[in-house]
């Protein structure tokens, strides 16, 4: 039987208590501090997942510069969408229905808005005559750079 002190601090559907989970070990108490309405450990988990996916994409899957076939691109897109939906399901389960619905709504809005970016990126690549085998790398570094610039 599990120790009740490790149980969630709330039941599904209830509002978050002062601590998201009961703190099992005092030296890691800072991980449970509220940061923008969410415990620090959840932000670190999210950041680690995003970083791992970026390293996996550029460092493992696309280490060599080459043109990416349409089938592979669709497969990778489906994989990343699956990871995002699984994260949304986890958010729903751990943080409740309202937080889960907020995440999934934001995901669908961002996915819809990203469709116009495909046309803009195609226009930029055509205008600058970026070779097809370099387009993934240029796009990747452009997205990473814009993400850092938007945060500052």
N, C-alpha and C. Protein backbone atom coordinates (compact mmCIF):
# COMPACT_ATOMS: atom_id res chain seq x y z
N UNK A 1 0.84 -1.18 0.00
CA UNK A 1 0.00 0.00 0.00
C UNK A 1 0.88 1.24 0.00
N UNK A 2 0.49 2.26 -0.69
CA UNK A 2 1.31 3.46 -0.78
C UNK A 2 1.09 4.36 0.42
N UNK A 3 2.11 5.14 0.71
CA UNK A 3 2.07 6.09 1.81
C UNK A 3 1.15 7.24 1.43
N UNK A 4 0.14 7.59 2.25
CA UNK A 4 -0.80 8.66 1.89
C UNK A 4 -0.13 10.03 1.78
N UNK A 5 1.07 10.22 2.35
CA UNK A 5 1.73 11.52 2.24
C UNK A 5 2.24 11.78 0.83
N UNK A 6 2.28 10.74 -0.01
CA UNK A 6 2.71 10.91 -1.39
C UNK A 6 1.52 11.08 -2.33
N UNK A 7 0.32 11.08 -1.81
CA UNK A 7 -0.88 11.19 -2.63
C UNK A 7 -1.02 12.62 -3.15
N UNK A 8 -1.76 12.80 -4.23
CA UNK A 8 -1.98 14.16 -4.72
C UNK A 8 -2.64 15.02 -3.65
N UNK A 9 -2.33 16.30 -3.69
CA UNK A 9 -2.86 17.22 -2.69
C UNK A 9 -4.31 17.56 -2.98
N UNK A 10 -4.86 17.10 -4.08
CA UNK A 10 -6.24 17.37 -4.43
C UNK A 10 -6.79 16.21 -5.24
N UNK A 11 -8.09 16.15 -5.33
CA UNK A 11 -8.74 15.16 -6.18
C UNK A 11 -9.04 15.83 -7.52
N UNK A 12 -9.27 15.06 -8.56
CA UNK A 12 -9.57 15.62 -9.88
C UNK A 12 -10.80 16.50 -9.79
N UNK A 13 -10.74 17.66 -10.43
CA UNK A 13 -11.86 18.57 -10.44
C UNK A 13 -11.81 19.62 -9.36
N UNK A 14 -11.02 19.41 -8.31
CA UNK A 14 -10.90 20.41 -7.27
C UNK A 14 -9.84 21.42 -7.66
N UNK A 15 -9.84 22.56 -6.97
CA UNK A 15 -8.81 23.57 -7.23
C UNK A 15 -7.51 23.15 -6.57
N UNK A 16 -6.40 23.70 -7.10
CA UNK A 16 -5.09 23.37 -6.57
C UNK A 16 -4.94 23.91 -5.16
N UNK A 17 -4.35 23.15 -4.29
CA UNK A 17 -4.04 23.61 -2.94
C UNK A 17 -2.78 24.44 -2.99
N UNK A 18 -2.25 24.82 -1.81
CA UNK A 18 -1.01 25.59 -1.76
C UNK A 18 0.13 24.83 -2.40
N UNK A 19 0.16 23.53 -2.22
CA UNK A 19 1.18 22.69 -2.83
C UNK A 19 0.50 21.75 -3.81
N UNK A 20 1.11 21.60 -4.97
CA UNK A 20 0.51 20.77 -6.00
C UNK A 20 0.48 19.31 -5.57
N UNK A 21 1.56 18.81 -5.06
CA UNK A 21 1.63 17.48 -4.48
C UNK A 21 2.19 17.64 -3.07
N UNK A 22 1.91 16.70 -2.23
CA UNK A 22 2.50 16.75 -0.90
C UNK A 22 4.00 16.51 -1.04
N UNK A 23 4.79 17.25 -0.29
CA UNK A 23 6.23 17.21 -0.45
C UNK A 23 6.79 15.99 0.28
N UNK A 24 7.36 15.02 -0.46
CA UNK A 24 7.85 13.80 0.18
C UNK A 24 9.23 13.96 0.80
N UNK A 25 10.00 14.96 0.37
CA UNK A 25 11.39 15.07 0.82
C UNK A 25 11.74 16.54 0.90
N UNK A 26 12.11 17.04 2.06
CA UNK A 26 12.30 18.47 2.30
C UNK A 26 13.36 19.14 1.42
N UNK A 27 14.50 18.52 1.08
CA UNK A 27 15.49 19.22 0.26
C UNK A 27 14.99 19.61 -1.14
N UNK A 28 13.94 18.99 -1.64
CA UNK A 28 13.42 19.35 -2.95
C UNK A 28 12.16 20.21 -2.85
N UNK A 29 11.94 20.80 -1.71
CA UNK A 29 10.73 21.59 -1.50
C UNK A 29 10.63 22.76 -2.47
N UNK A 30 11.75 23.33 -2.90
CA UNK A 30 11.72 24.46 -3.83
C UNK A 30 11.07 24.08 -5.16
N UNK A 31 11.10 22.79 -5.52
CA UNK A 31 10.49 22.36 -6.77
C UNK A 31 8.97 22.48 -6.75
N UNK A 32 8.41 22.61 -5.55
CA UNK A 32 6.96 22.70 -5.40
C UNK A 32 6.47 24.13 -5.24
N UNK A 33 7.38 25.10 -5.33
CA UNK A 33 6.99 26.50 -5.24
C UNK A 33 6.18 26.89 -6.47
N UNK A 34 5.21 27.76 -6.25
CA UNK A 34 4.35 28.22 -7.33
C UNK A 34 5.11 29.18 -8.23
N UNK A 35 5.10 28.90 -9.53
CA UNK A 35 5.76 29.74 -10.52
C UNK A 35 4.77 29.95 -11.66
N UNK A 36 4.18 31.13 -11.76
CA UNK A 36 3.13 31.44 -12.74
C UNK A 36 1.95 30.47 -12.61
N UNK A 37 1.58 30.16 -11.39
CA UNK A 37 0.41 29.31 -11.16
C UNK A 37 0.66 27.83 -11.30
N UNK A 38 1.90 27.43 -11.51
CA UNK A 38 2.26 26.02 -11.70
C UNK A 38 3.53 25.73 -10.92
N UNK A 39 3.64 24.55 -10.34
CA UNK A 39 4.87 24.22 -9.60
C UNK A 39 6.10 24.24 -10.51
N UNK A 40 7.21 24.60 -9.94
CA UNK A 40 8.46 24.70 -10.69
C UNK A 40 8.82 23.38 -11.36
N UNK A 41 8.55 22.25 -10.70
CA UNK A 41 8.91 20.96 -11.28
C UNK A 41 8.19 20.72 -12.60
N UNK A 42 6.95 21.21 -12.74
CA UNK A 42 6.21 21.02 -13.99
C UNK A 42 6.84 21.83 -15.12
N UNK A 43 7.32 23.06 -14.81
CA UNK A 43 7.99 23.86 -15.82
C UNK A 43 9.31 23.21 -16.23
N UNK A 44 10.04 22.67 -15.26
CA UNK A 44 11.30 22.00 -15.58
C UNK A 44 11.07 20.75 -16.42
N UNK A 45 10.02 20.02 -16.12
CA UNK A 45 9.66 18.83 -16.90
C UNK A 45 9.32 19.23 -18.34
N UNK A 46 8.52 20.27 -18.50
CA UNK A 46 8.16 20.75 -19.82
C UNK A 46 9.39 21.22 -20.60
N UNK A 47 10.23 22.02 -19.96
CA UNK A 47 11.46 22.51 -20.61
C UNK A 47 12.39 21.38 -21.00
N UNK A 48 12.50 20.38 -20.13
CA UNK A 48 13.33 19.22 -20.43
C UNK A 48 12.80 18.42 -21.60
N UNK A 49 11.48 18.27 -21.67
CA UNK A 49 10.86 17.53 -22.78
C UNK A 49 11.09 18.26 -24.10
N UNK A 50 10.89 19.58 -24.10
CA UNK A 50 11.10 20.35 -25.33
C UNK A 50 12.57 20.29 -25.76
N UNK A 51 13.48 20.45 -24.81
CA UNK A 51 14.91 20.39 -25.13
C UNK A 51 15.30 19.01 -25.67
N UNK A 52 14.79 17.96 -25.04
CA UNK A 52 15.09 16.60 -25.51
C UNK A 52 14.58 16.38 -26.93
N UNK A 53 13.39 16.88 -27.23
CA UNK A 53 12.85 16.73 -28.58
C UNK A 53 13.67 17.51 -29.61
N UNK A 54 14.12 18.71 -29.24
CA UNK A 54 14.95 19.49 -30.16
C UNK A 54 16.28 18.81 -30.42
N UNK A 55 16.91 18.29 -29.37
CA UNK A 55 18.19 17.59 -29.54
C UNK A 55 17.98 16.33 -30.37
N UNK A 56 16.91 15.60 -30.12
CA UNK A 56 16.61 14.39 -30.87
C UNK A 56 16.39 14.72 -32.34
N UNK A 57 15.63 15.78 -32.62
CA UNK A 57 15.33 16.14 -34.01
C UNK A 57 16.58 16.53 -34.77
N UNK A 58 17.33 17.49 -34.24
CA UNK A 58 18.48 17.99 -35.00
C UNK A 58 19.73 17.15 -34.81
N UNK A 59 19.92 16.60 -33.61
CA UNK A 59 21.15 15.86 -33.34
C UNK A 59 21.13 14.41 -33.75
N UNK A 60 19.94 13.81 -33.81
CA UNK A 60 19.85 12.38 -34.14
C UNK A 60 19.20 12.17 -35.51
N UNK A 61 17.99 12.68 -35.68
CA UNK A 61 17.25 12.42 -36.92
C UNK A 61 17.82 13.17 -38.12
N UNK A 62 18.28 14.38 -37.91
CA UNK A 62 18.72 15.21 -39.03
C UNK A 62 20.14 15.70 -38.85
N UNK A 63 20.99 14.81 -38.40
CA UNK A 63 22.39 15.17 -38.21
C UNK A 63 23.04 15.50 -39.54
N UNK A 64 22.70 14.74 -40.56
CA UNK A 64 23.25 15.00 -41.90
C UNK A 64 22.26 15.86 -42.68
N UNK A 65 22.80 16.81 -43.41
CA UNK A 65 21.96 17.69 -44.22
C UNK A 65 21.48 16.94 -45.45
N UNK A 66 20.15 16.86 -45.59
CA UNK A 66 19.57 16.16 -46.73
C UNK A 66 18.15 16.66 -46.93
N UNK A 67 17.62 16.38 -48.08
CA UNK A 67 16.23 16.73 -48.36
C UNK A 67 15.33 15.72 -47.65
N UNK A 68 14.32 16.22 -46.95
CA UNK A 68 13.42 15.34 -46.19
C UNK A 68 12.23 14.99 -47.07
N UNK A 69 11.99 13.69 -47.31
CA UNK A 69 10.85 13.28 -48.13
C UNK A 69 9.52 13.62 -47.43
N UNK A 70 8.47 13.76 -48.23
CA UNK A 70 7.15 14.12 -47.71
C UNK A 70 6.66 13.09 -46.70
N UNK A 71 6.84 11.81 -46.98
CA UNK A 71 6.38 10.77 -46.07
C UNK A 71 7.05 10.87 -44.70
N UNK A 72 8.35 11.09 -44.69
CA UNK A 72 9.07 11.23 -43.42
C UNK A 72 8.60 12.48 -42.67
N UNK A 73 8.37 13.55 -43.42
CA UNK A 73 7.91 14.79 -42.80
C UNK A 73 6.53 14.60 -42.15
N UNK A 74 5.64 13.93 -42.84
CA UNK A 74 4.31 13.66 -42.28
C UNK A 74 4.40 12.76 -41.05
N UNK A 75 5.27 11.75 -41.11
CA UNK A 75 5.45 10.85 -39.97
C UNK A 75 5.98 11.60 -38.75
N UNK A 76 6.98 12.47 -38.96
CA UNK A 76 7.53 13.24 -37.85
C UNK A 76 6.50 14.22 -37.29
N UNK A 77 5.74 14.85 -38.17
CA UNK A 77 4.69 15.77 -37.71
C UNK A 77 3.66 15.03 -36.86
N UNK A 78 3.26 13.86 -37.31
CA UNK A 78 2.30 13.07 -36.54
C UNK A 78 2.89 12.69 -35.17
N UNK A 79 4.18 12.37 -35.15
CA UNK A 79 4.83 12.03 -33.88
C UNK A 79 4.86 13.21 -32.93
N UNK A 80 5.20 14.39 -33.43
CA UNK A 80 5.24 15.57 -32.55
C UNK A 80 3.85 15.98 -32.10
N UNK A 81 2.85 15.84 -32.95
CA UNK A 81 1.47 16.13 -32.54
C UNK A 81 1.04 15.14 -31.47
N UNK A 82 1.42 13.88 -31.61
CA UNK A 82 1.09 12.87 -30.60
C UNK A 82 1.73 13.22 -29.26
N UNK A 83 3.00 13.64 -29.26
CA UNK A 83 3.66 14.04 -28.01
C UNK A 83 2.92 15.21 -27.38
N UNK A 84 2.52 16.20 -28.20
CA UNK A 84 1.81 17.36 -27.68
C UNK A 84 0.46 16.96 -27.09
N UNK A 85 -0.26 16.06 -27.74
CA UNK A 85 -1.56 15.62 -27.22
C UNK A 85 -1.40 14.78 -25.96
N UNK A 86 -0.35 13.98 -25.90
CA UNK A 86 -0.09 13.22 -24.67
C UNK A 86 0.24 14.16 -23.51
N UNK A 87 1.00 15.22 -23.79
CA UNK A 87 1.27 16.22 -22.75
C UNK A 87 -0.03 16.90 -22.32
N UNK A 88 -0.92 17.17 -23.28
CA UNK A 88 -2.23 17.74 -22.94
C UNK A 88 -3.06 16.80 -22.07
N UNK A 89 -3.02 15.51 -22.38
CA UNK A 89 -3.74 14.52 -21.56
C UNK A 89 -3.15 14.46 -20.16
N UNK A 90 -1.83 14.51 -20.06
CA UNK A 90 -1.17 14.52 -18.76
C UNK A 90 -1.57 15.78 -17.97
N UNK A 91 -1.61 16.92 -18.66
CA UNK A 91 -2.01 18.16 -18.02
C UNK A 91 -3.44 18.04 -17.50
N UNK A 92 -4.31 17.48 -18.29
CA UNK A 92 -5.72 17.29 -17.89
C UNK A 92 -5.79 16.40 -16.66
N UNK A 93 -5.05 15.30 -16.67
CA UNK A 93 -5.11 14.34 -15.57
C UNK A 93 -4.52 14.91 -14.29
N UNK A 94 -3.38 15.59 -14.39
CA UNK A 94 -2.69 16.06 -13.17
C UNK A 94 -3.25 17.38 -12.67
N UNK A 95 -3.55 18.31 -13.56
CA UNK A 95 -3.94 19.66 -13.15
C UNK A 95 -5.44 19.92 -13.23
N UNK A 96 -6.17 18.98 -13.77
CA UNK A 96 -7.62 19.14 -13.82
C UNK A 96 -8.12 19.47 -15.21
N UNK A 97 -9.44 19.40 -15.35
CA UNK A 97 -10.08 19.58 -16.66
C UNK A 97 -9.90 20.99 -17.21
N UNK A 98 -9.98 21.99 -16.35
CA UNK A 98 -9.85 23.37 -16.84
C UNK A 98 -8.46 23.62 -17.43
N UNK A 99 -7.41 23.20 -16.73
CA UNK A 99 -6.05 23.38 -17.24
C UNK A 99 -5.83 22.55 -18.50
N UNK A 100 -6.36 21.35 -18.54
CA UNK A 100 -6.25 20.51 -19.72
C UNK A 100 -6.95 21.12 -20.92
N UNK A 101 -8.14 21.65 -20.70
CA UNK A 101 -8.88 22.29 -21.80
C UNK A 101 -8.17 23.56 -22.26
N UNK A 102 -7.59 24.32 -21.32
CA UNK A 102 -6.81 25.51 -21.70
C UNK A 102 -5.63 25.12 -22.59
N UNK A 103 -4.93 24.06 -22.21
CA UNK A 103 -3.78 23.62 -23.01
C UNK A 103 -4.23 23.18 -24.40
N UNK A 104 -5.24 22.32 -24.46
CA UNK A 104 -5.67 21.79 -25.76
C UNK A 104 -6.24 22.89 -26.66
N UNK A 105 -6.94 23.86 -26.07
CA UNK A 105 -7.46 24.99 -26.85
C UNK A 105 -6.30 25.80 -27.42
N UNK A 106 -5.32 26.11 -26.58
CA UNK A 106 -4.15 26.88 -27.04
C UNK A 106 -3.39 26.09 -28.12
N UNK A 107 -3.29 24.79 -27.96
CA UNK A 107 -2.60 23.96 -28.95
C UNK A 107 -3.31 24.04 -30.30
N UNK A 108 -4.64 23.91 -30.30
CA UNK A 108 -5.39 23.97 -31.56
C UNK A 108 -5.32 25.35 -32.20
N UNK A 109 -5.36 26.40 -31.40
CA UNK A 109 -5.24 27.76 -31.95
C UNK A 109 -3.86 27.95 -32.58
N UNK A 110 -2.82 27.54 -31.87
CA UNK A 110 -1.45 27.68 -32.40
C UNK A 110 -1.26 26.83 -33.66
N UNK A 111 -1.82 25.64 -33.67
CA UNK A 111 -1.70 24.78 -34.85
C UNK A 111 -2.40 25.41 -36.04
N UNK A 112 -3.56 26.00 -35.81
CA UNK A 112 -4.29 26.68 -36.88
C UNK A 112 -3.53 27.89 -37.40
N UNK A 113 -2.98 28.68 -36.48
CA UNK A 113 -2.24 29.87 -36.89
C UNK A 113 -0.93 29.53 -37.60
N UNK A 114 -0.39 28.36 -37.33
CA UNK A 114 0.89 27.99 -37.95
C UNK A 114 0.74 27.66 -39.43
N UNK A 115 -0.48 27.41 -39.88
CA UNK A 115 -0.67 27.06 -41.29
C UNK A 115 -0.29 28.22 -42.22
N UNK A 116 -0.57 29.46 -41.80
CA UNK A 116 -0.18 30.57 -42.66
C UNK A 116 1.34 30.72 -42.70
N UNK A 117 2.02 30.26 -41.66
CA UNK A 117 3.49 30.33 -41.65
C UNK A 117 4.09 29.45 -42.74
N UNK A 118 3.42 28.36 -43.08
CA UNK A 118 3.92 27.47 -44.13
C UNK A 118 4.05 28.24 -45.44
N UNK A 119 3.06 29.07 -45.75
CA UNK A 119 3.11 29.84 -46.99
C UNK A 119 4.18 30.92 -46.93
N UNK A 120 4.32 31.58 -45.79
CA UNK A 120 5.34 32.61 -45.64
C UNK A 120 6.74 31.99 -45.76
N UNK A 121 6.94 30.86 -45.10
CA UNK A 121 8.24 30.19 -45.15
C UNK A 121 8.55 29.74 -46.58
N UNK A 122 7.56 29.20 -47.28
CA UNK A 122 7.78 28.80 -48.68
C UNK A 122 8.18 29.99 -49.53
N UNK A 123 7.53 31.13 -49.30
CA UNK A 123 7.85 32.33 -50.06
C UNK A 123 9.27 32.81 -49.76
N UNK A 124 9.66 32.79 -48.50
CA UNK A 124 11.01 33.20 -48.11
C UNK A 124 12.05 32.27 -48.71
N UNK A 125 11.83 30.96 -48.60
CA UNK A 125 12.78 30.00 -49.16
C UNK A 125 12.92 30.18 -50.67
N UNK A 126 11.81 30.43 -51.36
CA UNK A 126 11.86 30.62 -52.81
C UNK A 126 12.58 31.92 -53.17
N UNK A 127 12.28 32.98 -52.42
CA UNK A 127 12.90 34.28 -52.71
C UNK A 127 14.41 34.25 -52.46
N UNK A 128 14.81 33.60 -51.36
CA UNK A 128 16.24 33.54 -51.01
C UNK A 128 16.95 32.37 -51.66
N UNK A 129 16.22 31.57 -52.42
CA UNK A 129 16.77 30.41 -53.12
C UNK A 129 17.53 29.47 -52.18
N UNK A 130 16.89 29.14 -51.04
CA UNK A 130 17.49 28.20 -50.08
C UNK A 130 17.38 26.80 -50.67
N UNK A 131 18.50 26.09 -50.84
CA UNK A 131 18.44 24.72 -51.39
C UNK A 131 17.57 23.81 -50.52
N UNK A 132 16.85 22.90 -51.16
CA UNK A 132 15.91 22.03 -50.44
C UNK A 132 16.59 21.22 -49.33
N UNK A 133 17.83 20.80 -49.55
CA UNK A 133 18.50 19.98 -48.54
C UNK A 133 18.91 20.81 -47.32
N UNK A 134 18.91 22.13 -47.40
CA UNK A 134 19.26 22.98 -46.25
C UNK A 134 18.03 23.59 -45.56
N UNK A 135 16.86 23.42 -46.14
CA UNK A 135 15.67 24.08 -45.62
C UNK A 135 15.31 23.66 -44.19
N UNK A 136 15.45 22.39 -43.85
CA UNK A 136 15.11 21.96 -42.49
C UNK A 136 16.01 22.64 -41.47
N UNK A 137 17.30 22.68 -41.74
CA UNK A 137 18.25 23.28 -40.81
C UNK A 137 18.01 24.79 -40.67
N UNK A 138 17.77 25.47 -41.78
CA UNK A 138 17.50 26.92 -41.75
C UNK A 138 16.22 27.18 -40.96
N UNK A 139 15.20 26.40 -41.22
CA UNK A 139 13.92 26.56 -40.52
C UNK A 139 14.08 26.28 -39.03
N UNK A 140 14.79 25.23 -38.69
CA UNK A 140 14.99 24.87 -37.29
C UNK A 140 15.69 25.99 -36.53
N UNK A 141 16.81 26.46 -37.06
CA UNK A 141 17.55 27.53 -36.37
C UNK A 141 16.75 28.83 -36.34
N UNK A 142 15.96 29.08 -37.36
CA UNK A 142 15.10 30.27 -37.35
C UNK A 142 14.05 30.22 -36.27
N UNK A 143 13.46 29.05 -36.06
CA UNK A 143 12.45 28.89 -35.02
C UNK A 143 13.08 29.01 -33.64
N UNK A 144 14.23 28.38 -33.44
CA UNK A 144 14.91 28.47 -32.15
C UNK A 144 15.29 29.92 -31.86
N UNK A 145 15.84 30.62 -32.84
CA UNK A 145 16.24 32.02 -32.65
C UNK A 145 15.04 32.90 -32.35
N UNK A 146 13.95 32.70 -33.07
CA UNK A 146 12.77 33.53 -32.81
C UNK A 146 12.16 33.23 -31.45
N UNK A 147 12.27 31.98 -31.00
CA UNK A 147 11.77 31.64 -29.66
C UNK A 147 12.54 32.37 -28.58
N UNK A 148 13.86 32.42 -28.72
CA UNK A 148 14.68 33.13 -27.73
C UNK A 148 14.45 34.64 -27.81
N UNK A 149 14.30 35.16 -29.02
CA UNK A 149 14.08 36.61 -29.17
C UNK A 149 12.72 37.01 -28.60
N UNK A 150 11.72 36.17 -28.73
CA UNK A 150 10.38 36.48 -28.21
C UNK A 150 10.37 36.48 -26.69
N UNK A 151 11.26 35.76 -26.06
CA UNK A 151 11.29 35.65 -24.60
C UNK A 151 12.00 36.83 -23.94
N UNK A 152 12.79 37.56 -24.73
CA UNK A 152 13.56 38.65 -24.11
C UNK A 152 12.95 40.00 -24.31
